[in-house]
Amino acid sequence: MGGERETTVPAKSRSRPGSQTIGKVRIHESAGEVHFHDDSRKLKVAIPVAEWHDLLSKALHSGETSFTFIDHDHETLLAVEVTVGRKNDVDVELTIEPASVGDDLARLLKFTYGG
């Protein structure tokens, strides 16, 4: 735990000091990344701040209201869905799931990023 620009808001699940929880996902910024945690399942997704900003902005303003970010380092994925209710209330649903990297994706990642 740690980072910058952290806040605490009321949530259904217990939030750690210095972070914001949306539903069951705790969020904070650290070392140039936005970290998403599902503490009950011990899952984490880390997204570079600029990339998170671009993804969310696109979901809010382009009509493409959902996206999935795969964090191959933590073998997790973050699914984001922007919803519009009956009274035009806009909200978001965040889900973190485990993700295994298949052989073909592993080769593509090695080609792309080295290692």
PDB file of N, CA and C in Angstrom:
ATOM      1  N   MET A   1       0.850  -1.175   0.000  1.00  0.00           N
ATOM      2  CA  MET A   1       0.000   0.000   0.000  1.00  0.00           C
ATOM      3  C   MET A   1       0.884   1.222   0.000  1.00  0.00           C
ATOM      4  N   GLY A   2       0.471   2.209  -0.715  1.00  0.00           N
ATOM      5  CA  GLY A   2       1.206   3.459  -0.752  1.00  0.00           C
ATOM      6  C   GLY A   2       0.949   4.136  -2.067  1.00  0.00           C
ATOM      7  N   GLY A   3       1.385   5.351  -2.167  1.00  0.00           N
ATOM      8  CA  GLY A   3       1.221   6.038  -3.430  1.00  0.00           C
ATOM      9  C   GLY A   3       0.774   7.457  -3.255  1.00  0.00           C
ATOM     10  N   GLU A   4       0.364   8.026  -4.359  1.00  0.00           N
ATOM     11  CA  GLU A   4      -0.024   9.422  -4.402  1.00  0.00           C
ATOM     12  C   GLU A   4      -1.520   9.535  -4.680  1.00  0.00           C
ATOM     13  N   ARG A   5      -2.078  10.711  -4.404  1.00  0.00           N
ATOM     14  CA  ARG A   5      -3.451  11.040  -4.743  1.00  0.00           C
ATOM     15  C   ARG A   5      -4.428   9.979  -4.279  1.00  0.00           C
ATOM     16  N   GLU A   6      -4.388   9.636  -3.022  1.00  0.00           N
ATOM     17  CA  GLU A   6      -5.259   8.618  -2.480  1.00  0.00           C
ATOM     18  C   GLU A   6      -6.323   9.244  -1.597  1.00  0.00           C
ATOM     19  N   THR A   7      -7.518   8.720  -1.653  1.00  0.00           N
ATOM     20  CA  THR A   7      -8.603   9.175  -0.799  1.00  0.00           C
ATOM     21  C   THR A   7      -9.388   7.978  -0.304  1.00  0.00           C
ATOM     22  N   THR A   8     -10.209   8.205   0.701  1.00  0.00           N
ATOM     23  CA  THR A   8     -11.079   7.154   1.214  1.00  0.00           C
ATOM     24  C   THR A   8     -12.514   7.621   1.103  1.00  0.00           C
ATOM     25  N   VAL A   9     -13.364   6.771   0.573  1.00  0.00           N
ATOM     26  CA  VAL A   9     -14.790   7.069   0.468  1.00  0.00           C
ATOM     27  C   VAL A   9     -15.564   5.878   1.038  1.00  0.00           C
ATOM     28  N   PRO A  10     -16.802   6.105   1.510  1.00  0.00           N
ATOM     29  CA  PRO A  10     -17.586   4.981   2.004  1.00  0.00           C
ATOM     30  C   PRO A  10     -17.788   3.943   0.906  1.00  0.00           C
ATOM     31  N   ALA A  11     -17.747   2.684   1.282  1.00  0.00           N
ATOM     32  CA  ALA A  11     -17.932   1.610   0.321  1.00  0.00           C
ATOM     33  C   ALA A  11     -18.508   0.400   1.033  1.00  0.00           C
ATOM     34  N   LYS A  12     -18.982  -0.553   0.258  1.00  0.00           N
ATOM     35  CA  LYS A  12     -19.540  -1.773   0.827  1.00  0.00           C
ATOM     36  C   LYS A  12     -18.465  -2.592   1.535  1.00  0.00           C
ATOM     37  N   SER A  13     -17.278  -2.622   0.940  1.00  0.00           N
ATOM     38  CA  SER A  13     -16.196  -3.370   1.561  1.00  0.00           C
ATOM     39  C   SER A  13     -15.280  -2.416   2.319  1.00  0.00           C
ATOM     40  N   ARG A  14     -14.469  -2.974   3.208  1.00  0.00           N
ATOM     41  CA  ARG A  14     -13.564  -2.152   4.007  1.00  0.00           C
ATOM     42  C   ARG A  14     -12.475  -1.555   3.128  1.00  0.00           C
ATOM     43  N   SER A  15     -12.270  -0.264   3.244  1.00  0.00           N
ATOM     44  CA  SER A  15     -11.260   0.432   2.464  1.00  0.00           C
ATOM     45  C   SER A  15     -10.049   0.711   3.339  1.00  0.00           C
ATOM     46  N   ARG A  16      -8.875   0.528   2.784  1.00  0.00           N
ATOM     47  CA  ARG A  16      -7.652   0.855   3.522  1.00  0.00           C
ATOM     48  C   ARG A  16      -7.449   2.355   3.506  1.00  0.00           C
ATOM     49  N   PRO A  17      -6.872   2.918   4.557  1.00  0.00           N
ATOM     50  CA  PRO A  17      -6.638   4.366   4.593  1.00  0.00           C
ATOM     51  C   PRO A  17      -5.797   4.807   3.396  1.00  0.00           C
ATOM     52  N   GLY A  18      -6.190   5.939   2.816  1.00  0.00           N
ATOM     53  CA  GLY A  18      -5.407   6.498   1.728  1.00  0.00           C
ATOM     54  C   GLY A  18      -5.741   5.961   0.355  1.00  0.00           C
ATOM     55  N   SER A  19      -6.863   5.279   0.198  1.00  0.00           N
ATOM     56  CA  SER A  19      -7.247   4.793  -1.115  1.00  0.00           C
ATOM     57  C   SER A  19      -8.736   4.995  -1.317  1.00  0.00           C
ATOM     58  N   GLN A  20      -9.175   4.876  -2.537  1.00  0.00           N
ATOM     59  CA  GLN A  20     -10.587   5.038  -2.856  1.00  0.00           C
ATOM     60  C   GLN A  20     -11.129   3.683  -3.263  1.00  0.00           C
ATOM     61  N   THR A  21     -12.313   3.335  -2.778  1.00  0.00           N
ATOM     62  CA  THR A  21     -12.915   2.057  -3.119  1.00  0.00           C
ATOM     63  C   THR A  21     -14.184   2.289  -3.911  1.00  0.00           C
ATOM     64  N   ILE A  22     -14.286   1.628  -5.047  1.00  0.00           N
ATOM     65  CA  ILE A  22     -15.496   1.671  -5.858  1.00  0.00           C
ATOM     66  C   ILE A  22     -16.031   0.255  -5.879  1.00  0.00           C
ATOM     67  N   GLY A  23     -17.208   0.069  -5.266  1.00  0.00           N
ATOM     68  CA  GLY A  23     -17.728  -1.289  -5.119  1.00  0.00           C
ATOM     69  C   GLY A  23     -16.771  -2.083  -4.269  1.00  0.00           C
ATOM     70  N   LYS A  24     -16.180  -3.105  -4.831  1.00  0.00           N
ATOM     71  CA  LYS A  24     -15.212  -3.908  -4.083  1.00  0.00           C
ATOM     72  C   LYS A  24     -13.786  -3.716  -4.589  1.00  0.00           C
ATOM     73  N   VAL A  25     -13.574  -2.712  -5.438  1.00  0.00           N
ATOM     74  CA  VAL A  25     -12.256  -2.466  -6.023  1.00  0.00           C
ATOM     75  C   VAL A  25     -11.635  -1.235  -5.382  1.00  0.00           C
ATOM     76  N   ARG A  26     -10.453  -1.406  -4.769  1.00  0.00           N
ATOM     77  CA  ARG A  26      -9.715  -0.297  -4.159  1.00  0.00           C
ATOM     78  C   ARG A  26      -8.741   0.237  -5.201  1.00  0.00           C
ATOM     79  N   ILE A  27      -8.647   1.577  -5.275  1.00  0.00           N
ATOM     80  CA  ILE A  27      -7.838   2.217  -6.310  1.00  0.00           C
ATOM     81  C   ILE A  27      -6.902   3.236  -5.674  1.00  0.00           C
ATOM     82  N   HIS A  28      -5.659   3.251  -6.136  1.00  0.00           N
ATOM     83  CA  HIS A  28      -4.727   4.308  -5.739  1.00  0.00           C
ATOM     84  C   HIS A  28      -3.685   4.472  -6.831  1.00  0.00           C
ATOM     85  N   GLU A  29      -2.952   5.566  -6.761  1.00  0.00           N
ATOM     86  CA  GLU A  29      -1.894   5.849  -7.726  1.00  0.00           C
ATOM     87  C   GLU A  29      -0.554   5.666  -7.052  1.00  0.00           C
ATOM     88  N   SER A  30       0.361   4.989  -7.743  1.00  0.00           N
ATOM     89  CA  SER A  30       1.689   4.767  -7.197  1.00  0.00           C
ATOM     90  C   SER A  30       2.686   4.611  -8.340  1.00  0.00           C
ATOM     91  N   ALA A  31       3.789   5.324  -8.253  1.00  0.00           N
ATOM     92  CA  ALA A  31       4.909   5.193  -9.194  1.00  0.00           C
ATOM     93  C   ALA A  31       4.463   5.290 -10.650  1.00  0.00           C
ATOM     94  N   GLY A  32       3.587   6.259 -10.950  1.00  0.00           N
ATOM     95  CA  GLY A  32       3.159   6.470 -12.323  1.00  0.00           C
ATOM     96  C   GLY A  32       2.131   5.488 -12.837  1.00  0.00           C
ATOM     97  N   GLU A  33       1.546   4.708 -11.933  1.00  0.00           N
ATOM     98  CA  GLU A  33       0.528   3.744 -12.316  1.00  0.00           C
ATOM     99  C   GLU A  33      -0.713   3.911 -11.447  1.00  0.00           C
ATOM    100  N   VAL A  34      -1.862   3.548 -12.001  1.00  0.00           N
ATOM    101  CA  VAL A  34      -3.077   3.444 -11.219  1.00  0.00           C
ATOM    102  C   VAL A  34      -3.213   1.973 -10.856  1.00  0.00           C
ATOM    103  N   HIS A  35      -3.308   1.693  -9.552  1.00  0.00           N
ATOM    104  CA  HIS A  35      -3.425   0.316  -9.075  1.00  0.00           C
ATOM    105  C   HIS A  35      -4.855   0.035  -8.669  1.00  0.00           C
ATOM    106  N   PHE A  36      -5.393  -1.072  -9.151  1.00  0.00           N
ATOM    107  CA  PHE A  36      -6.738  -1.535  -8.826  1.00  0.00           C
ATOM    108  C   PHE A  36      -6.575  -2.835  -8.044  1.00  0.00           C
ATOM    109  N   HIS A  37      -7.192  -2.908  -6.861  1.00  0.00           N
ATOM    110  CA  HIS A  37      -7.062  -4.085  -6.005  1.00  0.00           C
ATOM    111  C   HIS A  37      -8.430  -4.668  -5.670  1.00  0.00           C
ATOM    112  N   ASP A  38      -8.568  -5.962  -5.815  1.00  0.00           N
ATOM    113  CA  ASP A  38      -9.681  -6.694  -5.237  1.00  0.00           C
ATOM    114  C   ASP A  38      -9.075  -7.399  -4.030  1.00  0.00           C
ATOM    115  N   ASP A  39      -9.133  -6.728  -2.867  1.00  0.00           N
ATOM    116  CA  ASP A  39      -8.444  -7.227  -1.677  1.00  0.00           C
ATOM    117  C   ASP A  39      -8.986  -8.571  -1.212  1.00  0.00           C
ATOM    118  N   SER A  40     -10.275  -8.798  -1.358  1.00  0.00           N
ATOM    119  CA  SER A  40     -10.851 -10.047  -0.873  1.00  0.00           C
ATOM    120  C   SER A  40     -10.331 -11.247  -1.657  1.00  0.00           C
ATOM    121  N   ARG A  41      -9.954 -11.025  -2.918  1.00  0.00           N
ATOM    122  CA  ARG A  41      -9.454 -12.117  -3.758  1.00  0.00           C
ATOM    123  C   ARG A  41      -7.954 -12.008  -4.019  1.00  0.00           C
ATOM    124  N   LYS A  42      -7.315 -10.982  -3.438  1.00  0.00           N
ATOM    125  CA  LYS A  42      -5.871 -10.761  -3.578  1.00  0.00           C
ATOM    126  C   LYS A  42      -5.458 -10.633  -5.043  1.00  0.00           C
ATOM    127  N   LEU A  43      -6.234  -9.811  -5.791  1.00  0.00           N
ATOM    128  CA  LEU A  43      -5.942  -9.562  -7.196  1.00  0.00           C
ATOM    129  C   LEU A  43      -5.580  -8.092  -7.379  1.00  0.00           C
ATOM    130  N   LYS A  44      -4.641  -7.844  -8.296  1.00  0.00           N
ATOM    131  CA  LYS A  44      -4.177  -6.473  -8.555  1.00  0.00           C
ATOM    132  C   LYS A  44      -3.997  -6.278 -10.053  1.00  0.00           C
ATOM    133  N   VAL A  45      -4.379  -5.087 -10.524  1.00  0.00           N
ATOM    134  CA  VAL A  45      -4.108  -4.667 -11.897  1.00  0.00           C
ATOM    135  C   VAL A  45      -3.416  -3.317 -11.817  1.00  0.00           C
ATOM    136  N   ALA A  46      -2.308  -3.160 -12.541  1.00  0.00           N
ATOM    137  CA  ALA A  46      -1.572  -1.894 -12.589  1.00  0.00           C
ATOM    138  C   ALA A  46      -1.588  -1.377 -14.023  1.00  0.00           C
ATOM    139  N   ILE A  47      -2.032  -0.115 -14.178  1.00  0.00           N
ATOM    140  CA  ILE A  47      -2.129   0.509 -15.499  1.00  0.00           C
ATOM    141  C   ILE A  47      -1.370   1.839 -15.455  1.00  0.00           C
ATOM    142  N   PRO A  48      -0.478   2.092 -16.415  1.00  0.00           N
ATOM    143  CA  PRO A  48       0.184   3.400 -16.448  1.00  0.00           C
ATOM    144  C   PRO A  48      -0.867   4.524 -16.452  1.00  0.00           C
ATOM    145  N   VAL A  49      -0.595   5.593 -15.702  1.00  0.00           N
ATOM    146  CA  VAL A  49      -1.564   6.681 -15.519  1.00  0.00           C
ATOM    147  C   VAL A  49      -2.070   7.223 -16.862  1.00  0.00           C
ATOM    148  N   ALA A  50      -1.165   7.515 -17.780  1.00  0.00           N
ATOM    149  CA  ALA A  50      -1.571   8.089 -19.068  1.00  0.00           C
ATOM    150  C   ALA A  50      -2.461   7.126 -19.844  1.00  0.00           C
ATOM    151  N   GLU A  51      -2.144   5.847 -19.787  1.00  0.00           N
ATOM    152  CA  GLU A  51      -2.949   4.853 -20.497  1.00  0.00           C
ATOM    153  C   GLU A  51      -4.339   4.733 -19.868  1.00  0.00           C
ATOM    154  N   TRP A  52      -4.415   4.743 -18.516  1.00  0.00           N
ATOM    155  CA  TRP A  52      -5.710   4.718 -17.836  1.00  0.00           C
ATOM    156  C   TRP A  52      -6.546   5.937 -18.238  1.00  0.00           C
ATOM    157  N   HIS A  53      -5.926   7.102 -18.236  1.00  0.00           N
ATOM    158  CA  HIS A  53      -6.639   8.329 -18.604  1.00  0.00           C
ATOM    159  C   HIS A  53      -7.218   8.203 -20.011  1.00  0.00           C
ATOM    160  N   ASP A  54      -6.416   7.725 -20.953  1.00  0.00           N
ATOM    161  CA  ASP A  54      -6.876   7.576 -22.337  1.00  0.00           C
ATOM    162  C   ASP A  54      -8.008   6.563 -22.452  1.00  0.00           C
ATOM    163  N   LEU A  55      -7.877   5.428 -21.772  1.00  0.00           N
ATOM    164  CA  LEU A  55      -8.908   4.390 -21.836  1.00  0.00           C
ATOM    165  C   LEU A  55     -10.238   4.882 -21.263  1.00  0.00           C
ATOM    166  N   LEU A  56     -10.186   5.516 -20.089  1.00  0.00           N
ATOM    167  CA  LEU A  56     -11.418   5.986 -19.468  1.00  0.00           C
ATOM    168  C   LEU A  56     -12.039   7.117 -20.271  1.00  0.00           C
ATOM    169  N   SER A  57     -11.214   8.028 -20.766  1.00  0.00           N
ATOM    170  CA  SER A  57     -11.718   9.136 -21.569  1.00  0.00           C
ATOM    171  C   SER A  57     -12.428   8.615 -22.816  1.00  0.00           C
ATOM    172  N   LYS A  58     -11.836   7.641 -23.453  1.00  0.00           N
ATOM    173  CA  LYS A  58     -12.444   7.052 -24.646  1.00  0.00           C
ATOM    174  C   LYS A  58     -13.786   6.402 -24.295  1.00  0.00           C
ATOM    175  N   ALA A  59     -13.847   5.692 -23.172  1.00  0.00           N
ATOM    176  CA  ALA A  59     -15.093   5.035 -22.754  1.00  0.00           C
ATOM    177  C   ALA A  59     -16.178   6.056 -22.421  1.00  0.00           C
ATOM    178  N   LEU A  60     -15.787   7.193 -21.880  1.00  0.00           N
ATOM    179  CA  LEU A  60     -16.777   8.204 -21.499  1.00  0.00           C
ATOM    180  C   LEU A  60     -17.234   9.070 -22.662  1.00  0.00           C
ATOM    181  N   HIS A  61     -16.391   9.222 -23.693  1.00  0.00           N
ATOM    182  CA  HIS A  61     -16.689  10.214 -24.721  1.00  0.00           C
ATOM    183  C   HIS A  61     -16.828   9.684 -26.141  1.00  0.00           C
ATOM    184  N   SER A  62     -16.529   8.420 -26.371  1.00  0.00           N
ATOM    185  CA  SER A  62     -16.542   7.934 -27.754  1.00  0.00           C
ATOM    186  C   SER A  62     -17.729   7.043 -28.090  1.00  0.00           C
ATOM    187  N   GLY A  63     -18.471   6.646 -27.095  1.00  0.00           N
ATOM    188  CA  GLY A  63     -19.561   5.704 -27.335  1.00  0.00           C
ATOM    189  C   GLY A  63     -19.139   4.262 -27.140  1.00  0.00           C
ATOM    190  N   GLU A  64     -17.838   3.996 -27.071  1.00  0.00           N
ATOM    191  CA  GLU A  64     -17.347   2.656 -26.748  1.00  0.00           C
ATOM    192  C   GLU A  64     -17.303   2.566 -25.228  1.00  0.00           C
ATOM    193  N   THR A  65     -18.358   2.053 -24.635  1.00  0.00           N
ATOM    194  CA  THR A  65     -18.562   2.189 -23.193  1.00  0.00           C
ATOM    195  C   THR A  65     -17.949   1.082 -22.356  1.00  0.00           C
ATOM    196  N   SER A  66     -17.196   0.178 -22.962  1.00  0.00           N
ATOM    197  CA  SER A  66     -16.542  -0.847 -22.148  1.00  0.00           C
ATOM    198  C   SER A  66     -15.177  -1.173 -22.735  1.00  0.00           C
ATOM    199  N   PHE A  67     -14.282  -1.609 -21.851  1.00  0.00           N
ATOM    200  CA  PHE A  67     -12.967  -2.062 -22.294  1.00  0.00           C
ATOM    201  C   PHE A  67     -12.396  -3.013 -21.254  1.00  0.00           C
ATOM    202  N   THR A  68     -11.411  -3.768 -21.675  1.00  0.00           N
ATOM    203  CA  THR A  68     -10.705  -4.690 -20.790  1.00  0.00           C
ATOM    204  C   THR A  68      -9.223  -4.407 -20.904  1.00  0.00           C
ATOM    205  N   PHE A  69      -8.566  -4.269 -19.755  1.00  0.00           N
ATOM    206  CA  PHE A  69      -7.112  -4.086 -19.727  1.00  0.00           C
ATOM    207  C   PHE A  69      -6.510  -5.356 -19.141  1.00  0.00           C
ATOM    208  N   ILE A  70      -5.560  -5.947 -19.862  1.00  0.00           N
ATOM    209  CA  ILE A  70      -4.894  -7.158 -19.380  1.00  0.00           C
ATOM    210  C   ILE A  70      -3.539  -6.775 -18.812  1.00  0.00           C
ATOM    211  N   ASP A  71      -3.326  -7.109 -17.556  1.00  0.00           N
ATOM    212  CA  ASP A  71      -2.048  -6.866 -16.882  1.00  0.00           C
ATOM    213  C   ASP A  71      -1.291  -8.188 -16.866  1.00  0.00           C
ATOM    214  N   HIS A  72      -0.421  -8.373 -17.853  1.00  0.00           N
ATOM    215  CA  HIS A  72       0.275  -9.661 -17.954  1.00  0.00           C
ATOM    216  C   HIS A  72       1.290  -9.849 -16.839  1.00  0.00           C
ATOM    217  N   ASP A  73       1.777  -8.770 -16.224  1.00  0.00           N
ATOM    218  CA  ASP A  73       2.723  -8.917 -15.112  1.00  0.00           C
ATOM    219  C   ASP A  73       2.057  -9.555 -13.894  1.00  0.00           C
ATOM    220  N   HIS A  74       0.808  -9.179 -13.619  1.00  0.00           N
ATOM    221  CA  HIS A  74       0.090  -9.705 -12.453  1.00  0.00           C
ATOM    222  C   HIS A  74      -0.892 -10.815 -12.832  1.00  0.00           C
ATOM    223  N   GLU A  75      -0.932 -11.153 -14.118  1.00  0.00           N
ATOM    224  CA  GLU A  75      -1.840 -12.179 -14.644  1.00  0.00           C
ATOM    225  C   GLU A  75      -3.279 -11.925 -14.202  1.00  0.00           C
ATOM    226  N   THR A  76      -3.721 -10.682 -14.458  1.00  0.00           N
ATOM    227  CA  THR A  76      -5.079 -10.262 -14.128  1.00  0.00           C
ATOM    228  C   THR A  76      -5.634  -9.414 -15.266  1.00  0.00           C
ATOM    229  N   LEU A  77      -6.933  -9.179 -15.205  1.00  0.00           N
ATOM    230  CA  LEU A  77      -7.543  -8.250 -16.139  1.00  0.00           C
ATOM    231  C   LEU A  77      -8.538  -7.381 -15.397  1.00  0.00           C
ATOM    232  N   LEU A  78      -8.692  -6.166 -15.879  1.00  0.00           N
ATOM    233  CA  LEU A  78      -9.671  -5.222 -15.359  1.00  0.00           C
ATOM    234  C   LEU A  78     -10.689  -4.977 -16.457  1.00  0.00           C
ATOM    235  N   ALA A  79     -11.955  -5.305 -16.175  1.00  0.00           N
ATOM    236  CA  ALA A  79     -13.051  -5.010 -17.097  1.00  0.00           C
ATOM    237  C   ALA A  79     -13.766  -3.768 -16.591  1.00  0.00           C
ATOM    238  N   VAL A  80     -13.954  -2.801 -17.473  1.00  0.00           N
ATOM    239  CA  VAL A  80     -14.600  -1.532 -17.129  1.00  0.00           C
ATOM    240  C   VAL A  80     -15.815  -1.367 -18.033  1.00  0.00           C
ATOM    241  N   GLU A  81     -16.957  -1.097 -17.410  1.00  0.00           N
ATOM    242  CA  GLU A  81     -18.171  -0.836 -18.187  1.00  0.00           C
ATOM    243  C   GLU A  81     -18.846   0.421 -17.664  1.00  0.00           C
ATOM    244  N   VAL A  82     -19.007   1.395 -18.554  1.00  0.00           N
ATOM    245  CA  VAL A  82     -19.729   2.621 -18.231  1.00  0.00           C
ATOM    246  C   VAL A  82     -21.197   2.359 -18.531  1.00  0.00           C
ATOM    247  N   THR A  83     -22.069   2.659 -17.559  1.00  0.00           N
ATOM    248  CA  THR A  83     -23.497   2.401 -17.727  1.00  0.00           C
ATOM    249  C   THR A  83     -24.287   3.709 -17.640  1.00  0.00           C
ATOM    250  N   VAL A  84     -25.422   3.732 -18.317  1.00  0.00           N
ATOM    251  CA  VAL A  84     -26.331   4.869 -18.255  1.00  0.00           C
ATOM    252  C   VAL A  84     -27.682   4.347 -17.791  1.00  0.00           C
ATOM    253  N   GLY A  85     -28.162   4.888 -16.667  1.00  0.00           N
ATOM    254  CA  GLY A  85     -29.423   4.446 -16.094  1.00  0.00           C
ATOM    255  C   GLY A  85     -30.629   5.096 -16.751  1.00  0.00           C
ATOM    256  N   ARG A  86     -31.809   4.755 -16.233  1.00  0.00           N
ATOM    257  CA  ARG A  86     -33.065   5.271 -16.794  1.00  0.00           C
ATOM    258  C   ARG A  86     -33.181   6.784 -16.681  1.00  0.00           C
ATOM    259  N   LYS A  87     -32.548   7.363 -15.688  1.00  0.00           N
ATOM    260  CA  LYS A  87     -32.613   8.823 -15.504  1.00  0.00           C
ATOM    261  C   LYS A  87     -31.340   9.499 -16.013  1.00  0.00           C
ATOM    262  N   ASN A  88     -30.667   8.844 -16.964  1.00  0.00           N
ATOM    263  CA  ASN A  88     -29.417   9.338 -17.537  1.00  0.00           C
ATOM    264  C   ASN A  88     -28.318   9.515 -16.500  1.00  0.00           C
ATOM    265  N   ASP A  89     -28.377   8.718 -15.432  1.00  0.00           N
ATOM    266  CA  ASP A  89     -27.292   8.734 -14.462  1.00  0.00           C
ATOM    267  C   ASP A  89     -26.188   7.803 -14.977  1.00  0.00           C
ATOM    268  N   VAL A  90     -25.001   8.367 -15.099  1.00  0.00           N
ATOM    269  CA  VAL A  90     -23.860   7.637 -15.643  1.00  0.00           C
ATOM    270  C   VAL A  90     -23.050   7.070 -14.485  1.00  0.00           C
ATOM    271  N   ASP A  91     -22.690   5.792 -14.599  1.00  0.00           N
ATOM    272  CA  ASP A  91     -21.917   5.141 -13.546  1.00  0.00           C
ATOM    273  C   ASP A  91     -20.911   4.200 -14.195  1.00  0.00           C
ATOM    274  N   VAL A  92     -20.152   3.508 -13.377  1.00  0.00           N
ATOM    275  CA  VAL A  92     -19.141   2.595 -13.897  1.00  0.00           C
ATOM    276  C   VAL A  92     -19.133   1.323 -13.071  1.00  0.00           C
ATOM    277  N   GLU A  93     -18.849   0.217 -13.729  1.00  0.00           N
ATOM    278  CA  GLU A  93     -18.684  -1.066 -13.044  1.00  0.00           C
ATOM    279  C   GLU A  93     -17.279  -1.562 -13.330  1.00  0.00           C
ATOM    280  N   LEU A  94     -16.539  -1.882 -12.266  1.00  0.00           N
ATOM    281  CA  LEU A  94     -15.167  -2.380 -12.386  1.00  0.00           C
ATOM    282  C   LEU A  94     -15.120  -3.824 -11.898  1.00  0.00           C
ATOM    283  N   THR A  95     -14.471  -4.684 -12.657  1.00  0.00           N
ATOM    284  CA  THR A  95     -14.324  -6.078 -12.273  1.00  0.00           C
ATOM    285  C   THR A  95     -12.885  -6.508 -12.512  1.00  0.00           C
ATOM    286  N   ILE A  96     -12.284  -7.140 -11.517  1.00  0.00           N
ATOM    287  CA  ILE A  96     -10.942  -7.704 -11.664  1.00  0.00           C
ATOM    288  C   ILE A  96     -11.062  -9.220 -11.652  1.00  0.00           C
ATOM    289  N   GLU A  97     -10.402  -9.847 -12.604  1.00  0.00           N
ATOM    290  CA  GLU A  97     -10.417 -11.301 -12.706  1.00  0.00           C
ATOM    291  C   GLU A  97      -8.998 -11.807 -12.945  1.00  0.00           C
ATOM    292  N   PRO A  98      -8.723 -13.044 -12.526  1.00  0.00           N
ATOM    293  CA  PRO A  98      -7.438 -13.640 -12.890  1.00  0.00           C
ATOM    294  C   PRO A  98      -7.408 -13.883 -14.399  1.00  0.00           C
ATOM    295  N   ALA A  99      -6.235 -13.827 -14.979  1.00  0.00           N
ATOM    296  CA  ALA A  99      -6.089 -14.081 -16.419  1.00  0.00           C
ATOM    297  C   ALA A  99      -4.786 -14.830 -16.640  1.00  0.00           C
ATOM    298  N   SER A 100      -4.863 -15.917 -17.346  1.00  0.00           N
ATOM    299  CA  SER A 100      -3.631 -16.630 -17.674  1.00  0.00           C
ATOM    300  C   SER A 100      -3.207 -16.229 -19.084  1.00  0.00           C
ATOM    301  N   VAL A 101      -1.926 -16.141 -19.287  1.00  0.00           N
ATOM    302  CA  VAL A 101      -1.372 -15.748 -20.576  1.00  0.00           C
ATOM    303  C   VAL A 101      -1.113 -17.009 -21.391  1.00  0.00           C
ATOM    304  N   GLY A 102      -1.769 -17.085 -22.550  1.00  0.00           N
ATOM    305  CA  GLY A 102      -1.584 -18.239 -23.436  1.00  0.00           C
ATOM    306  C   GLY A 102      -0.235 -18.198 -24.126  1.00  0.00           C
ATOM    307  N   ASP A 103       0.134 -19.316 -24.727  1.00  0.00           N
ATOM    308  CA  ASP A 103       1.442 -19.439 -25.375  1.00  0.00           C
ATOM    309  C   ASP A 103       1.649 -18.414 -26.485  1.00  0.00           C
ATOM    310  N   ASP A 104       0.635 -18.217 -27.314  1.00  0.00           N
ATOM    311  CA  ASP A 104       0.778 -17.275 -28.428  1.00  0.00           C
ATOM    312  C   ASP A 104       0.931 -15.844 -27.920  1.00  0.00           C
ATOM    313  N   LEU A 105       0.138 -15.471 -26.913  1.00  0.00           N
ATOM    314  CA  LEU A 105       0.268 -14.125 -26.350  1.00  0.00           C
ATOM    315  C   LEU A 105       1.624 -13.966 -25.671  1.00  0.00           C
ATOM    316  N   ALA A 106       2.100 -14.996 -24.989  1.00  0.00           N
ATOM    317  CA  ALA A 106       3.418 -14.924 -24.339  1.00  0.00           C
ATOM    318  C   ALA A 106       4.508 -14.656 -25.374  1.00  0.00           C
ATOM    319  N   ARG A 107       4.432 -15.336 -26.516  1.00  0.00           N
ATOM    320  CA  ARG A 107       5.423 -15.103 -27.583  1.00  0.00           C
ATOM    321  C   ARG A 107       5.302 -13.687 -28.141  1.00  0.00           C
ATOM    322  N   LEU A 108       4.082 -13.209 -28.309  1.00  0.00           N
ATOM    323  CA  LEU A 108       3.875 -11.848 -28.813  1.00  0.00           C
ATOM    324  C   LEU A 108       4.393 -10.807 -27.822  1.00  0.00           C
ATOM    325  N   LEU A 109       4.155 -11.025 -26.534  1.00  0.00           N
ATOM    326  CA  LEU A 109       4.652 -10.098 -25.512  1.00  0.00           C
ATOM    327  C   LEU A 109       6.180 -10.104 -25.482  1.00  0.00           C
ATOM    328  N   LYS A 110       6.777 -11.282 -25.596  1.00  0.00           N
ATOM    329  CA  LYS A 110       8.237 -11.370 -25.607  1.00  0.00           C
ATOM    330  C   LYS A 110       8.796 -10.642 -26.831  1.00  0.00           C
ATOM    331  N   PHE A 111       8.162 -10.813 -27.972  1.00  0.00           N
ATOM    332  CA  PHE A 111       8.590 -10.119 -29.182  1.00  0.00           C
ATOM    333  C   PHE A 111       8.462  -8.599 -29.015  1.00  0.00           C
ATOM    334  N   THR A 112       7.332  -8.167 -28.444  1.00  0.00           N
ATOM    335  CA  THR A 112       7.032  -6.749 -28.328  1.00  0.00           C
ATOM    336  C   THR A 112       7.886  -6.055 -27.278  1.00  0.00           C
ATOM    337  N   TYR A 113       8.007  -6.685 -26.112  1.00  0.00           N
ATOM    338  CA  TYR A 113       8.670  -6.034 -24.974  1.00  0.00           C
ATOM    339  C   TYR A 113      10.049  -6.610 -24.671  1.00  0.00           C
ATOM    340  N   GLY A 114      10.434  -7.661 -25.336  1.00  0.00           N
ATOM    341  CA  GLY A 114      11.715  -8.292 -25.049  1.00  0.00           C
ATOM    342  C   GLY A 114      11.647  -9.176 -23.824  1.00  0.00           C
ATOM    343  N   GLY A 115      12.764  -9.707 -23.432  1.00  0.00           N
ATOM    344  CA  GLY A 115      12.796 -10.499 -22.204  1.00  0.00           C
ATOM    345  C   GLY A 115      12.919 -11.957 -22.409  1.00  0.00           C
TER     346      GLY A 115
END
